[in-house]
PDB file of N, CA and C in Angstrom:
ATOM      1  N   UNK A   1       2.462   7.560 -12.489  1.00  0.00           N
ATOM      2  CA  UNK A   1       1.803   8.723 -12.248  1.00  0.00           C
ATOM      3  C   UNK A   1       3.023  10.062 -12.019  1.00  0.00           C
ATOM      4  N   UNK A   2       2.572  10.933 -12.319  1.00  0.00           N
ATOM      5  CA  UNK A   2       3.689  11.750 -12.125  1.00  0.00           C
ATOM      6  C   UNK A   2       3.599  12.775 -10.752  1.00  0.00           C
ATOM      7  N   UNK A   3       4.583  12.701 -10.085  1.00  0.00           N
ATOM      8  CA  UNK A   3       4.427  13.083  -8.705  1.00  0.00           C
ATOM      9  C   UNK A   3       4.927  14.573  -8.743  1.00  0.00           C
ATOM     10  N   UNK A   4       4.073  15.497  -8.837  1.00  0.00           N
ATOM     11  CA  UNK A   4       4.154  16.988  -8.838  1.00  0.00           C
ATOM     12  C   UNK A   4       4.834  17.666  -7.733  1.00  0.00           C
ATOM     13  N   UNK A   5       4.725  16.976  -6.619  1.00  0.00           N
ATOM     14  CA  UNK A   5       5.128  17.742  -5.086  1.00  0.00           C
ATOM     15  C   UNK A   5       6.644  17.317  -4.910  1.00  0.00           C
ATOM     16  N   UNK A   6       7.114  15.722  -4.807  1.00  0.00           N
ATOM     17  CA  UNK A   6       8.229  15.238  -4.334  1.00  0.00           C
ATOM     18  C   UNK A   6       8.363  13.806  -5.291  1.00  0.00           C
ATOM     19  N   UNK A   7       9.707  13.689  -5.363  1.00  0.00           N
ATOM     20  CA  UNK A   7      10.085  12.284  -6.044  1.00  0.00           C
ATOM     21  C   UNK A   7      10.433  11.340  -4.663  1.00  0.00           C
ATOM     22  N   UNK A   8      10.500  11.873  -3.607  1.00  0.00           N
ATOM     23  CA  UNK A   8      10.968  10.969  -2.353  1.00  0.00           C
ATOM     24  C   UNK A   8      10.033  11.674  -0.987  1.00  0.00           C
ATOM     25  N   UNK A   9      10.087  11.018  -0.043  1.00  0.00           N
ATOM     26  CA  UNK A   9       9.210  11.614   0.908  1.00  0.00           C
ATOM     27  C   UNK A   9       9.987  12.890   1.451  1.00  0.00           C
ATOM     28  N   UNK A  10       9.181  13.547   2.109  1.00  0.00           N
ATOM     29  CA  UNK A  10       9.789  14.862   2.727  1.00  0.00           C
ATOM     30  C   UNK A  10      10.446  14.594   4.026  1.00  0.00           C
ATOM     31  N   UNK A  11       9.774  13.955   4.758  1.00  0.00           N
ATOM     32  CA  UNK A  11      10.606  13.250   5.877  1.00  0.00           C
ATOM     33  C   UNK A  11      11.061  11.718   5.451  1.00  0.00           C
ATOM     34  N   UNK A  12      12.424  11.374   5.236  1.00  0.00           N
ATOM     35  CA  UNK A  12      12.534   9.991   4.896  1.00  0.00           C
ATOM     36  C   UNK A  12      12.189   8.873   5.880  1.00  0.00           C
ATOM     37  N   UNK A  13      11.883   7.839   5.399  1.00  0.00           N
ATOM     38  CA  UNK A  13      11.267   6.775   6.244  1.00  0.00           C
ATOM     39  C   UNK A  13      12.164   6.306   6.883  1.00  0.00           C
ATOM     40  N   UNK A  14      12.173   5.895   8.272  1.00  0.00           N
ATOM     41  CA  UNK A  14      13.216   5.407   9.272  1.00  0.00           C
ATOM     42  C   UNK A  14      13.402   3.747   8.737  1.00  0.00           C
ATOM     43  N   UNK A  15      14.630   3.240   9.335  1.00  0.00           N
ATOM     44  CA  UNK A  15      14.837   1.808   8.906  1.00  0.00           C
ATOM     45  C   UNK A  15      13.792   0.992   9.456  1.00  0.00           C
ATOM     46  N   UNK A  16      13.201   1.273  10.518  1.00  0.00           N
ATOM     47  CA  UNK A  16      12.339   0.295  11.209  1.00  0.00           C
ATOM     48  C   UNK A  16      10.765   0.651  10.398  1.00  0.00           C
ATOM     49  N   UNK A  17      10.692   1.825   9.879  1.00  0.00           N
ATOM     50  CA  UNK A  17       9.481   1.620   8.929  1.00  0.00           C
ATOM     51  C   UNK A  17       9.547   1.010   7.732  1.00  0.00           C
ATOM     52  N   UNK A  18      10.592   1.327   7.232  1.00  0.00           N
ATOM     53  CA  UNK A  18      10.819   0.248   5.770  1.00  0.00           C
ATOM     54  C   UNK A  18      10.890  -1.035   5.760  1.00  0.00           C
ATOM     55  N   UNK A  19      11.380  -1.637   7.259  1.00  0.00           N
ATOM     56  CA  UNK A  19      11.610  -2.745   7.414  1.00  0.00           C
ATOM     57  C   UNK A  19      10.206  -3.475   7.560  1.00  0.00           C
ATOM     58  N   UNK A  20       9.179  -2.752   8.359  1.00  0.00           N
ATOM     59  CA  UNK A  20       7.772  -3.069   8.870  1.00  0.00           C
ATOM     60  C   UNK A  20       7.125  -3.185   7.182  1.00  0.00           C
ATOM     61  N   UNK A  21       7.096  -2.438   6.463  1.00  0.00           N
ATOM     62  CA  UNK A  21       6.558  -2.579   5.074  1.00  0.00           C
ATOM     63  C   UNK A  21       6.937  -3.719   4.351  1.00  0.00           C
ATOM     64  N   UNK A  22       8.239  -3.836   4.246  1.00  0.00           N
ATOM     65  CA  UNK A  22       8.969  -4.867   3.581  1.00  0.00           C
ATOM     66  C   UNK A  22       8.531  -6.259   4.291  1.00  0.00           C
ATOM     67  N   UNK A  23       8.603  -6.365   5.517  1.00  0.00           N
ATOM     68  CA  UNK A  23       8.007  -7.605   6.057  1.00  0.00           C
ATOM     69  C   UNK A  23       7.031  -8.191   5.783  1.00  0.00           C
ATOM     70  N   UNK A  24       5.947  -6.923   5.541  1.00  0.00           N
ATOM     71  CA  UNK A  24       4.568  -7.514   5.147  1.00  0.00           C
ATOM     72  C   UNK A  24       4.568  -7.732   3.584  1.00  0.00           C
ATOM     73  N   UNK A  25       5.003  -7.170   2.894  1.00  0.00           N
ATOM     74  CA  UNK A  25       5.147  -7.350   1.707  1.00  0.00           C
ATOM     75  C   UNK A  25       5.871  -8.836   1.263  1.00  0.00           C
ATOM     76  N   UNK A  26       6.863  -9.361   1.957  1.00  0.00           N
ATOM     77  CA  UNK A  26       7.237 -10.653   1.851  1.00  0.00           C
ATOM     78  C   UNK A  26       6.222 -11.650   2.184  1.00  0.00           C
ATOM     79  N   UNK A  27       5.689 -11.144   3.570  1.00  0.00           N
ATOM     80  CA  UNK A  27       4.372 -12.309   3.778  1.00  0.00           C
ATOM     81  C   UNK A  27       3.588 -12.535   2.542  1.00  0.00           C
ATOM     82  N   UNK A  28       3.077 -11.177   1.958  1.00  0.00           N
ATOM     83  CA  UNK A  28       2.043 -11.290   1.108  1.00  0.00           C
ATOM     84  C   UNK A  28       2.441 -12.176  -0.170  1.00  0.00           C
ATOM     85  N   UNK A  29       4.096 -11.947  -0.555  1.00  0.00           N
ATOM     86  CA  UNK A  29       4.680 -12.735  -1.610  1.00  0.00           C
ATOM     87  C   UNK A  29       4.457 -14.009  -1.213  1.00  0.00           C
ATOM     88  N   UNK A  30       4.676 -14.420   0.043  1.00  0.00           N
ATOM     89  CA  UNK A  30       4.792 -15.890   0.338  1.00  0.00           C
ATOM     90  C   UNK A  30       3.471 -16.545   0.249  1.00  0.00           C
ATOM     91  N   UNK A  31       2.257 -15.733   0.558  1.00  0.00           N
ATOM     92  CA  UNK A  31       0.847 -16.229   0.542  1.00  0.00           C
ATOM     93  C   UNK A  31       0.338 -16.257  -1.040  1.00  0.00           C
ATOM     94  N   UNK A  32       0.986 -15.436  -1.986  1.00  0.00           N
ATOM     95  CA  UNK A  32       0.826 -15.349  -3.607  1.00  0.00           C
ATOM     96  C   UNK A  32       1.414 -16.664  -3.794  1.00  0.00           C
ATOM     97  N   UNK A  33       2.689 -17.067  -3.601  1.00  0.00           N
ATOM     98  CA  UNK A  33       3.201 -18.125  -3.961  1.00  0.00           C
ATOM     99  C   UNK A  33       2.403 -19.666  -3.323  1.00  0.00           C
ATOM    100  N   UNK A  34       2.035 -19.290  -2.192  1.00  0.00           N
ATOM    101  CA  UNK A  34       1.235 -20.343  -1.682  1.00  0.00           C
ATOM    102  C   UNK A  34      -0.306 -20.759  -2.529  1.00  0.00           C
ATOM    103  N   UNK A  35      -0.596 -19.653  -2.861  1.00  0.00           N
ATOM    104  CA  UNK A  35      -1.943 -19.767  -4.022  1.00  0.00           C
ATOM    105  C   UNK A  35      -1.443 -20.476  -5.463  1.00  0.00           C
ATOM    106  N   UNK A  36      -0.225 -19.979  -5.902  1.00  0.00           N
ATOM    107  CA  UNK A  36       0.147 -20.539  -7.000  1.00  0.00           C
ATOM    108  C   UNK A  36       0.139 -21.981  -6.934  1.00  0.00           C
ATOM    109  N   UNK A  37       0.737 -22.509  -5.928  1.00  0.00           N
ATOM    110  CA  UNK A  37       0.879 -24.013  -5.542  1.00  0.00           C
ATOM    111  C   UNK A  37      -0.387 -24.615  -5.329  1.00  0.00           C
ATOM    112  N   UNK A  38      -1.409 -23.714  -4.663  1.00  0.00           N
ATOM    113  CA  UNK A  38      -2.725 -24.511  -4.401  1.00  0.00           C
ATOM    114  C   UNK A  38      -3.203 -24.601  -5.906  1.00  0.00           C
ATOM    115  N   UNK A  39      -3.044 -23.802  -6.907  1.00  0.00           N
ATOM    116  CA  UNK A  39      -3.846 -23.852  -8.157  1.00  0.00           C
ATOM    117  C   UNK A  39      -3.143 -25.168  -9.088  1.00  0.00           C
ATOM    118  N   UNK A  40      -1.762 -25.218  -8.704  1.00  0.00           N
ATOM    119  CA  UNK A  40      -1.067 -26.151  -9.307  1.00  0.00           C
ATOM    120  C   UNK A  40      -1.458 -27.790  -8.927  1.00  0.00           C
ATOM    121  N   UNK A  41      -1.872 -27.631  -7.443  1.00  0.00           N
ATOM    122  CA  UNK A  41      -2.466 -28.992  -6.953  1.00  0.00           C
ATOM    123  C   UNK A  41      -3.362 -29.019  -6.963  1.00  0.00           C
ATOM    124  N   UNK A  42      -4.310 -28.357  -7.882  1.00  0.00           N
ATOM    125  CA  UNK A  42      -5.739 -28.448  -7.996  1.00  0.00           C
ATOM    126  C   UNK A  42      -6.344 -28.582  -6.878  1.00  0.00           C
ATOM    127  N   UNK A  43      -6.315 -27.725  -6.083  1.00  0.00           N
ATOM    128  CA  UNK A  43      -6.771 -27.325  -4.887  1.00  0.00           C
ATOM    129  C   UNK A  43      -8.363 -26.778  -4.885  1.00  0.00           C
ATOM    130  N   UNK A  44      -9.435 -27.277  -4.050  1.00  0.00           N
ATOM    131  CA  UNK A  44     -10.655 -26.700  -3.860  1.00  0.00           C
ATOM    132  C   UNK A  44     -10.738 -25.038  -3.960  1.00  0.00           C
ATOM    133  N   UNK A  45     -11.772 -24.607  -5.140  1.00  0.00           N
ATOM    134  CA  UNK A  45     -11.863 -23.448  -5.621  1.00  0.00           C
ATOM    135  C   UNK A  45     -12.141 -22.421  -4.515  1.00  0.00           C
ATOM    136  N   UNK A  46     -12.815 -22.802  -3.617  1.00  0.00           N
ATOM    137  CA  UNK A  46     -13.173 -22.079  -2.419  1.00  0.00           C
ATOM    138  C   UNK A  46     -12.195 -21.680  -1.323  1.00  0.00           C
ATOM    139  N   UNK A  47     -11.128 -22.762  -1.182  1.00  0.00           N
ATOM    140  CA  UNK A  47     -10.061 -22.486  -0.315  1.00  0.00           C
ATOM    141  C   UNK A  47      -9.147 -21.486  -1.070  1.00  0.00           C
ATOM    142  N   UNK A  48      -9.079 -21.857  -2.674  1.00  0.00           N
ATOM    143  CA  UNK A  48      -8.266 -20.476  -3.257  1.00  0.00           C
ATOM    144  C   UNK A  48      -8.914 -19.240  -2.847  1.00  0.00           C
ATOM    145  N   UNK A  49     -10.129 -19.456  -3.042  1.00  0.00           N
ATOM    146  CA  UNK A  49     -10.880 -17.554  -2.943  1.00  0.00           C
ATOM    147  C   UNK A  49     -10.548 -17.266  -1.630  1.00  0.00           C
ATOM    148  N   UNK A  50     -10.549 -18.156  -0.531  1.00  0.00           N
ATOM    149  CA  UNK A  50     -10.315 -17.634   0.820  1.00  0.00           C
ATOM    150  C   UNK A  50      -9.044 -16.935   1.018  1.00  0.00           C
ATOM    151  N   UNK A  51      -8.160 -17.508   0.442  1.00  0.00           N
ATOM    152  CA  UNK A  51      -6.689 -17.148   0.387  1.00  0.00           C
ATOM    153  C   UNK A  51      -6.548 -15.526  -0.530  1.00  0.00           C
ATOM    154  N   UNK A  52      -7.135 -15.801  -1.725  1.00  0.00           N
ATOM    155  CA  UNK A  52      -6.904 -14.802  -2.385  1.00  0.00           C
ATOM    156  C   UNK A  52      -7.744 -13.399  -1.516  1.00  0.00           C
ATOM    157  N   UNK A  53      -8.882 -13.543  -0.699  1.00  0.00           N
ATOM    158  CA  UNK A  53      -9.415 -12.650  -0.137  1.00  0.00           C
ATOM    159  C   UNK A  53      -8.540 -12.032   1.260  1.00  0.00           C
ATOM    160  N   UNK A  54      -7.572 -13.303   1.961  1.00  0.00           N
ATOM    161  CA  UNK A  54      -6.897 -12.568   2.660  1.00  0.00           C
ATOM    162  C   UNK A  54      -5.678 -11.829   2.234  1.00  0.00           C
ATOM    163  N   UNK A  55      -5.179 -12.210   0.970  1.00  0.00           N
ATOM    164  CA  UNK A  55      -4.256 -11.431   0.666  1.00  0.00           C
ATOM    165  C   UNK A  55      -4.887  -9.947   0.001  1.00  0.00           C
ATOM    166  N   UNK A  56      -5.842  -9.792  -0.476  1.00  0.00           N
ATOM    167  CA  UNK A  56      -6.573  -8.586  -0.488  1.00  0.00           C
ATOM    168  C   UNK A  56      -6.640  -7.627   0.567  1.00  0.00           C
ATOM    169  N   UNK A  57      -6.908  -8.264   1.476  1.00  0.00           N
ATOM    170  CA  UNK A  57      -6.988  -7.658   2.637  1.00  0.00           C
ATOM    171  C   UNK A  57      -5.793  -7.239   3.531  1.00  0.00           C
ATOM    172  N   UNK A  58      -4.587  -7.902   3.291  1.00  0.00           N
ATOM    173  CA  UNK A  58      -3.094  -7.729   3.574  1.00  0.00           C
ATOM    174  C   UNK A  58      -2.873  -6.375   2.782  1.00  0.00           C
ATOM    175  N   UNK A  59      -3.040  -6.603   1.606  1.00  0.00           N
ATOM    176  CA  UNK A  59      -2.634  -5.397   0.684  1.00  0.00           C
ATOM    177  C   UNK A  59      -3.304  -3.960   1.172  1.00  0.00           C
ATOM    178  N   UNK A  60      -4.637  -4.231   1.186  1.00  0.00           N
ATOM    179  CA  UNK A  60      -5.194  -2.887   1.796  1.00  0.00           C
ATOM    180  C   UNK A  60      -4.579  -2.581   3.011  1.00  0.00           C
ATOM    181  N   UNK A  61      -4.327  -3.434   3.840  1.00  0.00           N
ATOM    182  CA  UNK A  61      -3.740  -2.804   5.050  1.00  0.00           C
ATOM    183  C   UNK A  61      -2.243  -2.264   4.710  1.00  0.00           C
ATOM    184  N   UNK A  62      -1.583  -2.544   4.222  1.00  0.00           N
ATOM    185  CA  UNK A  62      -0.436  -2.232   3.817  1.00  0.00           C
ATOM    186  C   UNK A  62      -0.483  -0.895   3.284  1.00  0.00           C
ATOM    187  N   UNK A  63      -1.443  -0.775   2.163  1.00  0.00           N
ATOM    188  CA  UNK A  63      -1.941   0.441   1.469  1.00  0.00           C
ATOM    189  C   UNK A  63      -2.253   1.664   2.670  1.00  0.00           C
ATOM    190  N   UNK A  64      -2.850   1.435   3.647  1.00  0.00           N
ATOM    191  CA  UNK A  64      -3.470   2.153   4.370  1.00  0.00           C
ATOM    192  C   UNK A  64      -2.352   2.734   5.292  1.00  0.00           C
ATOM    193  N   UNK A  65      -1.403   1.697   5.798  1.00  0.00           N
ATOM    194  CA  UNK A  65      -0.373   1.974   6.641  1.00  0.00           C
ATOM    195  C   UNK A  65       0.269   3.091   5.653  1.00  0.00           C
ATOM    196  N   UNK A  66       0.536   3.056   4.291  1.00  0.00           N
ATOM    197  CA  UNK A  66       1.521   3.841   3.784  1.00  0.00           C
ATOM    198  C   UNK A  66       0.721   5.256   3.580  1.00  0.00           C
ATOM    199  N   UNK A  67      -0.572   5.118   3.565  1.00  0.00           N
ATOM    200  CA  UNK A  67      -1.572   6.364   3.075  1.00  0.00           C
ATOM    201  C   UNK A  67      -1.164   7.067   4.473  1.00  0.00           C
ATOM    202  N   UNK A  68      -1.501   6.543   5.493  1.00  0.00           N
ATOM    203  CA  UNK A  68      -1.155   7.368   6.918  1.00  0.00           C
ATOM    204  C   UNK A  68       0.106   7.885   6.989  1.00  0.00           C
ATOM    205  N   UNK A  69       1.154   7.300   6.580  1.00  0.00           N
ATOM    206  CA  UNK A  69       2.120   7.927   6.696  1.00  0.00           C
ATOM    207  C   UNK A  69       2.285   8.994   5.909  1.00  0.00           C
ATOM    208  N   UNK A  70       1.801   8.692   4.598  1.00  0.00           N
ATOM    209  CA  UNK A  70       1.765  10.026   3.639  1.00  0.00           C
ATOM    210  C   UNK A  70       1.296  11.190   4.196  1.00  0.00           C
ATOM    211  N   UNK A  71       0.010  10.905   4.836  1.00  0.00           N
ATOM    212  CA  UNK A  71      -0.618  12.021   5.191  1.00  0.00           C
ATOM    213  C   UNK A  71      -0.006  12.715   6.331  1.00  0.00           C
ATOM    214  N   UNK A  72       0.580  12.126   7.316  1.00  0.00           N
ATOM    215  CA  UNK A  72       1.149  12.543   8.369  1.00  0.00           C
ATOM    216  C   UNK A  72       2.388  13.332   8.067  1.00  0.00           C
ATOM    217  N   UNK A  73       3.306  12.993   6.917  1.00  0.00           N
ATOM    218  CA  UNK A  73       4.453  13.584   6.889  1.00  0.00           C
ATOM    219  C   UNK A  73       4.343  14.444   5.773  1.00  0.00           C
ATOM    220  N   UNK A  74       4.122  13.589   4.470  1.00  0.00           N
ATOM    221  CA  UNK A  74       4.018  14.728   2.849  1.00  0.00           C
ATOM    222  C   UNK A  74       3.094  15.808   2.827  1.00  0.00           C
ATOM    223  N   UNK A  75       1.911  15.143   3.246  1.00  0.00           N
ATOM    224  CA  UNK A  75       0.514  16.064   2.757  1.00  0.00           C
ATOM    225  C   UNK A  75       0.747  16.991   3.999  1.00  0.00           C
ATOM    226  N   UNK A  76       0.892  16.876   5.287  1.00  0.00           N
ATOM    227  CA  UNK A  76       0.765  17.997   6.228  1.00  0.00           C
ATOM    228  C   UNK A  76       1.991  19.045   6.143  1.00  0.00           C
ATOM    229  N   UNK A  77       3.058  18.337   5.690  1.00  0.00           N
ATOM    230  CA  UNK A  77       4.163  19.382   4.962  1.00  0.00           C
ATOM    231  C   UNK A  77       4.164  20.326   3.731  1.00  0.00           C
ATOM    232  N   UNK A  78       2.989  19.314   2.978  1.00  0.00           N
ATOM    233  CA  UNK A  78       2.873  20.033   1.617  1.00  0.00           C
ATOM    234  C   UNK A  78       1.504  21.546   1.910  1.00  0.00           C
ATOM    235  N   UNK A  79       0.647  20.923   2.983  1.00  0.00           N
ATOM    236  CA  UNK A  79       0.013  22.224   3.712  1.00  0.00           C
ATOM    237  C   UNK A  79       0.667  23.268   4.299  1.00  0.00           C
ATOM    238  N   UNK A  80       1.771  23.074   5.145  1.00  0.00           N
ATOM    239  CA  UNK A  80       2.355  23.960   5.750  1.00  0.00           C
ATOM    240  C   UNK A  80       3.309  24.934   4.811  1.00  0.00           C
ATOM    241  N   UNK A  81       3.785  24.145   3.355  1.00  0.00           N
ATOM    242  CA  UNK A  81       4.345  24.896   2.715  1.00  0.00           C
ATOM    243  C   UNK A  81       3.620  25.810   1.402  1.00  0.00           C
ATOM    244  N   UNK A  82       2.248  25.701   1.622  1.00  0.00           N
ATOM    245  CA  UNK A  82       1.244  26.338   0.829  1.00  0.00           C
ATOM    246  C   UNK A  82       0.939  25.410  -0.379  1.00  0.00           C
ATOM    247  N   UNK A  83       1.066  24.198  -0.466  1.00  0.00           N
ATOM    248  CA  UNK A  83       0.955  23.488  -1.682  1.00  0.00           C
ATOM    249  C   UNK A  83      -0.197  22.269  -1.033  1.00  0.00           C
ATOM    250  N   UNK A  84      -0.943  22.405   0.138  1.00  0.00           N
ATOM    251  CA  UNK A  84      -1.878  21.643   0.614  1.00  0.00           C
ATOM    252  C   UNK A  84      -2.843  21.165  -0.637  1.00  0.00           C
ATOM    253  N   UNK A  85      -3.539  21.912  -1.387  1.00  0.00           N
ATOM    254  CA  UNK A  85      -4.384  21.480  -2.330  1.00  0.00           C
ATOM    255  C   UNK A  85      -4.281  20.663  -3.238  1.00  0.00           C
ATOM    256  N   UNK A  86      -3.186  20.852  -3.676  1.00  0.00           N
ATOM    257  CA  UNK A  86      -2.411  19.866  -4.820  1.00  0.00           C
ATOM    258  C   UNK A  86      -2.209  18.607  -4.230  1.00  0.00           C
ATOM    259  N   UNK A  87      -1.342  18.706  -3.020  1.00  0.00           N
ATOM    260  CA  UNK A  87      -1.088  17.256  -2.229  1.00  0.00           C
ATOM    261  C   UNK A  87      -2.463  16.525  -1.751  1.00  0.00           C
ATOM    262  N   UNK A  88      -3.398  17.304  -1.644  1.00  0.00           N
ATOM    263  CA  UNK A  88      -4.671  16.358  -1.153  1.00  0.00           C
ATOM    264  C   UNK A  88      -5.506  15.789  -2.490  1.00  0.00           C
ATOM    265  N   UNK A  89      -5.442  16.771  -3.642  1.00  0.00           N
ATOM    266  CA  UNK A  89      -5.927  16.185  -4.831  1.00  0.00           C
ATOM    267  C   UNK A  89      -5.014  15.037  -5.625  1.00  0.00           C
ATOM    268  N   UNK A  90      -3.912  14.942  -5.254  1.00  0.00           N
ATOM    269  CA  UNK A  90      -3.015  13.905  -5.661  1.00  0.00           C
ATOM    270  C   UNK A  90      -3.434  12.718  -4.710  1.00  0.00           C
ATOM    271  N   UNK A  91      -3.568  13.037  -3.389  1.00  0.00           N
ATOM    272  CA  UNK A  91      -3.956  11.791  -2.418  1.00  0.00           C
ATOM    273  C   UNK A  91      -5.308  11.150  -2.829  1.00  0.00           C
ATOM    274  N   UNK A  92      -6.409  11.908  -3.272  1.00  0.00           N
ATOM    275  CA  UNK A  92      -7.659  11.488  -3.446  1.00  0.00           C
ATOM    276  C   UNK A  92      -7.778  10.977  -4.740  1.00  0.00           C
ATOM    277  N   UNK A  93      -7.189  11.225  -5.572  1.00  0.00           N
ATOM    278  CA  UNK A  93      -6.843  10.466  -6.771  1.00  0.00           C
ATOM    279  C   UNK A  93      -6.589   9.101  -6.523  1.00  0.00           C
ATOM    280  N   UNK A  94      -5.366   8.963  -5.916  1.00  0.00           N
ATOM    281  CA  UNK A  94      -5.079   7.672  -5.553  1.00  0.00           C
ATOM    282  C   UNK A  94      -5.878   7.061  -4.623  1.00  0.00           C
ATOM    283  N   UNK A  95      -6.750   7.464  -3.762  1.00  0.00           N
ATOM    284  CA  UNK A  95      -7.570   6.713  -2.899  1.00  0.00           C
ATOM    285  C   UNK A  95      -8.960   6.366  -3.637  1.00  0.00           C
ATOM    286  N   UNK A  96      -9.161   6.837  -4.810  1.00  0.00           N
ATOM    287  CA  UNK A  96     -10.175   6.512  -5.840  1.00  0.00           C
ATOM    288  C   UNK A  96      -9.835   5.102  -6.213  1.00  0.00           C
ATOM    289  N   UNK A  97      -8.568   4.787  -6.555  1.00  0.00           N
ATOM    290  CA  UNK A  97      -8.255   3.600  -7.004  1.00  0.00           C
ATOM    291  C   UNK A  97      -8.218   2.191  -5.713  1.00  0.00           C
ATOM    292  N   UNK A  98      -8.177   2.780  -4.818  1.00  0.00           N
ATOM    293  CA  UNK A  98      -8.523   1.682  -3.387  1.00  0.00           C
ATOM    294  C   UNK A  98      -9.969   1.203  -3.332  1.00  0.00           C
ATOM    295  N   UNK A  99     -10.859   1.977  -3.854  1.00  0.00           N
ATOM    296  CA  UNK A  99     -12.573   1.837  -3.735  1.00  0.00           C
ATOM    297  C   UNK A  99     -12.705   0.870  -5.121  1.00  0.00           C
ATOM    298  N   UNK A 100     -11.926   0.777  -6.011  1.00  0.00           N
ATOM    299  CA  UNK A 100     -12.000   0.061  -7.327  1.00  0.00           C
ATOM    300  C   UNK A 100     -12.089  -1.621  -6.854  1.00  0.00           C
TER     301      UNK A 100
END
């Protein structure tokens, strides 16, 4: 996707913000490896589906966390600089993917 406003955040993420997101993604990565093992071990389908659902929810939570930061920093900065409509249009296009 082309980033028509910025290639990087207007306000760089703090180390704590980065670490919080990375930690969540590492937990999700571990969950995915767990599902791979469940499949290899021929575990019950319903148990696998429950774990897939949990991963999906965890990814959405990370997505909403990143979205919130984007709105508070990048979009609000774009609004202040007169580029708000473009930033909102970009965000709405991205949010459409969350509903698929």
